Amino acid sequence: QCSSTCAGGFQRRVVVCQDENGYTANNCDEKSKPVEQRSCESGPCPQWAYGNWGECTKPCGAGTRTRLVVCQR
């Protein structure tokens, strides 16, 4: 699996030299050894998007102001 759910990450695998019976061997050509790690891209990370603050609910005293806030991919 990719090490990250978004943005850049990497994948790893185990590469070993074995004989025809599946036993560990030492005579594999190191130059032809497959890579054990590669980059993977899972797309952009989500981020918060938000609008402007609305009007206050009261002309004086304690009121509230709201705005739209959403998580976007």
N, C-alpha and C. Protein backbone atom coordinates (compact mmCIF):
# COMPACT_ATOMS: atom_id res chain seq x y z
N GLN A 1 0.83 -1.19 0.00
CA GLN A 1 0.00 0.00 0.00
C GLN A 1 0.87 1.25 0.00
N CYS A 2 0.28 2.34 -0.47
CA CYS A 2 0.99 3.62 -0.46
C CYS A 2 1.08 4.10 0.99
N SER A 3 2.20 4.71 1.34
CA SER A 3 2.41 5.17 2.72
C SER A 3 1.59 6.42 3.05
N SER A 4 0.97 7.02 2.06
CA SER A 4 0.19 8.23 2.26
C SER A 4 -1.15 8.12 1.55
N THR A 5 -2.20 8.65 2.17
CA THR A 5 -3.51 8.63 1.53
C THR A 5 -3.71 9.81 0.60
N CYS A 6 -2.78 10.75 0.63
CA CYS A 6 -2.83 11.89 -0.30
C CYS A 6 -1.42 12.41 -0.48
N ALA A 7 -1.24 13.21 -1.51
CA ALA A 7 0.07 13.77 -1.86
C ALA A 7 1.08 12.65 -2.14
N GLY A 8 2.35 12.94 -1.97
CA GLY A 8 3.38 11.95 -2.29
C GLY A 8 3.57 10.92 -1.20
N GLY A 9 3.79 9.70 -1.59
CA GLY A 9 4.07 8.62 -0.64
C GLY A 9 4.98 7.62 -1.32
N PHE A 10 5.14 6.46 -0.71
CA PHE A 10 5.96 5.43 -1.34
C PHE A 10 5.39 4.05 -1.03
N GLN A 11 5.77 3.10 -1.86
CA GLN A 11 5.40 1.70 -1.68
C GLN A 11 6.69 0.91 -1.52
N ARG A 12 6.65 -0.11 -0.67
CA ARG A 12 7.82 -0.97 -0.45
C ARG A 12 7.45 -2.43 -0.68
N ARG A 13 8.43 -3.20 -1.07
CA ARG A 13 8.27 -4.65 -1.20
C ARG A 13 9.60 -5.30 -0.86
N VAL A 14 9.55 -6.59 -0.56
CA VAL A 14 10.75 -7.34 -0.23
C VAL A 14 11.23 -8.06 -1.49
N VAL A 15 12.52 -7.93 -1.79
CA VAL A 15 13.13 -8.61 -2.94
C VAL A 15 14.25 -9.48 -2.41
N VAL A 16 14.13 -10.79 -2.62
CA VAL A 16 15.16 -11.73 -2.15
C VAL A 16 15.60 -12.64 -3.29
N CYS A 17 16.79 -13.13 -3.17
CA CYS A 17 17.36 -14.07 -4.14
C CYS A 17 17.06 -15.49 -3.65
N GLN A 18 16.38 -16.29 -4.51
CA GLN A 18 16.04 -17.66 -4.16
C GLN A 18 16.40 -18.61 -5.29
N ASP A 19 16.64 -19.87 -4.91
CA ASP A 19 16.88 -20.88 -5.94
C ASP A 19 15.54 -21.44 -6.42
N GLU A 20 15.57 -22.42 -7.31
CA GLU A 20 14.33 -22.97 -7.89
C GLU A 20 13.44 -23.67 -6.87
N ASN A 21 13.96 -23.98 -5.69
CA ASN A 21 13.18 -24.62 -4.64
C ASN A 21 12.64 -23.61 -3.61
N GLY A 22 12.94 -22.33 -3.81
CA GLY A 22 12.46 -21.31 -2.89
C GLY A 22 13.38 -21.05 -1.71
N TYR A 23 14.57 -21.62 -1.74
CA TYR A 23 15.53 -21.40 -0.65
C TYR A 23 16.42 -20.19 -0.96
N THR A 24 16.88 -19.52 0.09
CA THR A 24 17.74 -18.36 -0.07
C THR A 24 19.00 -18.73 -0.82
N ALA A 25 19.36 -17.90 -1.80
CA ALA A 25 20.56 -18.13 -2.60
C ALA A 25 21.39 -16.84 -2.62
N ASN A 26 22.65 -16.97 -3.02
CA ASN A 26 23.56 -15.82 -3.06
C ASN A 26 24.10 -15.54 -4.45
N ASN A 27 23.65 -16.26 -5.45
CA ASN A 27 24.26 -16.11 -6.76
C ASN A 27 23.42 -15.28 -7.75
N CYS A 28 22.49 -14.47 -7.28
CA CYS A 28 21.71 -13.61 -8.17
C CYS A 28 22.57 -12.43 -8.62
N ASP A 29 22.32 -11.95 -9.83
CA ASP A 29 23.02 -10.80 -10.38
C ASP A 29 22.46 -9.53 -9.73
N GLU A 30 23.27 -8.83 -8.94
CA GLU A 30 22.82 -7.62 -8.24
C GLU A 30 22.38 -6.52 -9.20
N LYS A 31 22.95 -6.49 -10.42
CA LYS A 31 22.59 -5.45 -11.39
C LYS A 31 21.16 -5.62 -11.90
N SER A 32 20.61 -6.82 -11.84
CA SER A 32 19.24 -7.05 -12.33
C SER A 32 18.22 -7.10 -11.20
N LYS A 33 18.65 -6.78 -9.97
CA LYS A 33 17.74 -6.81 -8.83
C LYS A 33 16.65 -5.75 -8.99
N PRO A 34 15.36 -6.14 -8.87
CA PRO A 34 14.27 -5.17 -8.96
C PRO A 34 14.31 -4.18 -7.79
N VAL A 35 13.77 -2.98 -8.00
CA VAL A 35 13.75 -1.97 -6.94
C VAL A 35 12.83 -2.41 -5.81
N GLU A 36 13.16 -2.01 -4.60
CA GLU A 36 12.38 -2.38 -3.42
C GLU A 36 11.43 -1.27 -2.97
N GLN A 37 11.62 -0.06 -3.51
CA GLN A 37 10.77 1.06 -3.12
C GLN A 37 10.49 1.93 -4.33
N ARG A 38 9.26 2.46 -4.43
CA ARG A 38 8.91 3.38 -5.51
C ARG A 38 7.93 4.42 -4.99
N SER A 39 7.88 5.54 -5.67
CA SER A 39 6.95 6.61 -5.32
C SER A 39 5.54 6.22 -5.73
N CYS A 40 4.56 6.73 -5.02
CA CYS A 40 3.17 6.53 -5.40
C CYS A 40 2.43 7.84 -5.17
N GLU A 41 1.46 8.12 -5.99
CA GLU A 41 0.72 9.38 -5.91
C GLU A 41 -0.73 9.05 -5.64
N SER A 42 -1.26 9.55 -4.54
CA SER A 42 -2.64 9.27 -4.15
C SER A 42 -3.56 10.46 -4.38
N GLY A 43 -3.10 11.43 -5.14
CA GLY A 43 -3.92 12.61 -5.40
C GLY A 43 -3.69 13.69 -4.36
N PRO A 44 -4.31 14.84 -4.56
CA PRO A 44 -4.09 15.97 -3.64
C PRO A 44 -4.73 15.73 -2.28
N CYS A 45 -4.17 16.37 -1.27
CA CYS A 45 -4.73 16.26 0.08
C CYS A 45 -5.96 17.16 0.20
N PRO A 46 -6.95 16.75 0.98
CA PRO A 46 -8.12 17.61 1.22
C PRO A 46 -7.69 18.87 1.97
N GLN A 47 -8.48 19.91 1.80
CA GLN A 47 -8.19 21.14 2.53
C GLN A 47 -9.48 21.87 2.85
N TRP A 48 -9.44 22.74 3.84
CA TRP A 48 -10.61 23.51 4.24
C TRP A 48 -10.82 24.66 3.27
N ALA A 49 -12.06 24.82 2.82
CA ALA A 49 -12.47 25.98 2.02
C ALA A 49 -13.53 26.70 2.83
N TYR A 50 -13.49 28.02 2.85
CA TYR A 50 -14.43 28.76 3.69
C TYR A 50 -14.81 30.08 3.02
N GLY A 51 -16.00 30.52 3.34
CA GLY A 51 -16.52 31.77 2.79
C GLY A 51 -16.32 32.94 3.74
N ASN A 52 -16.90 34.07 3.36
CA ASN A 52 -16.82 35.28 4.18
C ASN A 52 -17.80 35.19 5.36
N TRP A 53 -17.49 35.92 6.41
CA TRP A 53 -18.38 35.98 7.55
C TRP A 53 -19.67 36.69 7.17
N GLY A 54 -20.79 36.18 7.65
CA GLY A 54 -22.09 36.79 7.40
C GLY A 54 -22.35 37.95 8.36
N GLU A 55 -23.54 38.49 8.26
CA GLU A 55 -23.93 39.60 9.14
C GLU A 55 -24.13 39.10 10.57
N CYS A 56 -23.96 40.01 11.51
CA CYS A 56 -24.20 39.69 12.92
C CYS A 56 -25.70 39.53 13.14
N THR A 57 -26.08 38.59 14.00
CA THR A 57 -27.49 38.33 14.24
C THR A 57 -28.16 39.38 15.11
N LYS A 58 -27.39 40.25 15.76
CA LYS A 58 -27.95 41.30 16.61
C LYS A 58 -27.24 42.62 16.32
N PRO A 59 -27.98 43.73 16.38
CA PRO A 59 -27.34 45.03 16.14
C PRO A 59 -26.50 45.50 17.33
N CYS A 60 -26.72 44.91 18.51
CA CYS A 60 -25.91 45.25 19.67
C CYS A 60 -25.95 44.07 20.64
N GLY A 61 -25.05 44.06 21.60
CA GLY A 61 -25.00 42.94 22.54
C GLY A 61 -24.33 41.73 21.91
N ALA A 62 -24.59 40.57 22.48
CA ALA A 62 -23.95 39.34 22.01
C ALA A 62 -24.73 38.74 20.84
N GLY A 63 -24.15 38.75 19.69
CA GLY A 63 -24.73 38.12 18.51
C GLY A 63 -23.75 37.10 17.93
N THR A 64 -24.10 36.51 16.85
CA THR A 64 -23.21 35.55 16.20
C THR A 64 -23.10 35.86 14.72
N ARG A 65 -21.96 35.47 14.16
CA ARG A 65 -21.73 35.56 12.72
C ARG A 65 -21.34 34.16 12.26
N THR A 66 -21.77 33.78 11.11
CA THR A 66 -21.45 32.44 10.59
C THR A 66 -20.86 32.56 9.19
N ARG A 67 -20.23 31.49 8.78
CA ARG A 67 -19.70 31.38 7.42
C ARG A 67 -19.70 29.93 7.01
N LEU A 68 -19.71 29.67 5.74
CA LEU A 68 -19.70 28.30 5.20
C LEU A 68 -18.27 27.76 5.27
N VAL A 69 -18.10 26.57 5.82
CA VAL A 69 -16.81 25.90 5.89
C VAL A 69 -17.00 24.47 5.41
N VAL A 70 -16.23 24.06 4.39
CA VAL A 70 -16.33 22.70 3.85
C VAL A 70 -14.94 22.12 3.65
N CYS A 71 -14.86 20.82 3.74
CA CYS A 71 -13.62 20.10 3.45
C CYS A 71 -13.69 19.66 1.99
N GLN A 72 -12.75 20.13 1.17
CA GLN A 72 -12.74 19.80 -0.25
C GLN A 72 -11.52 18.97 -0.61
N ARG A 73 -11.72 18.05 -1.52
CA ARG A 73 -10.61 17.23 -2.01
C ARG A 73 -9.96 17.92 -3.18
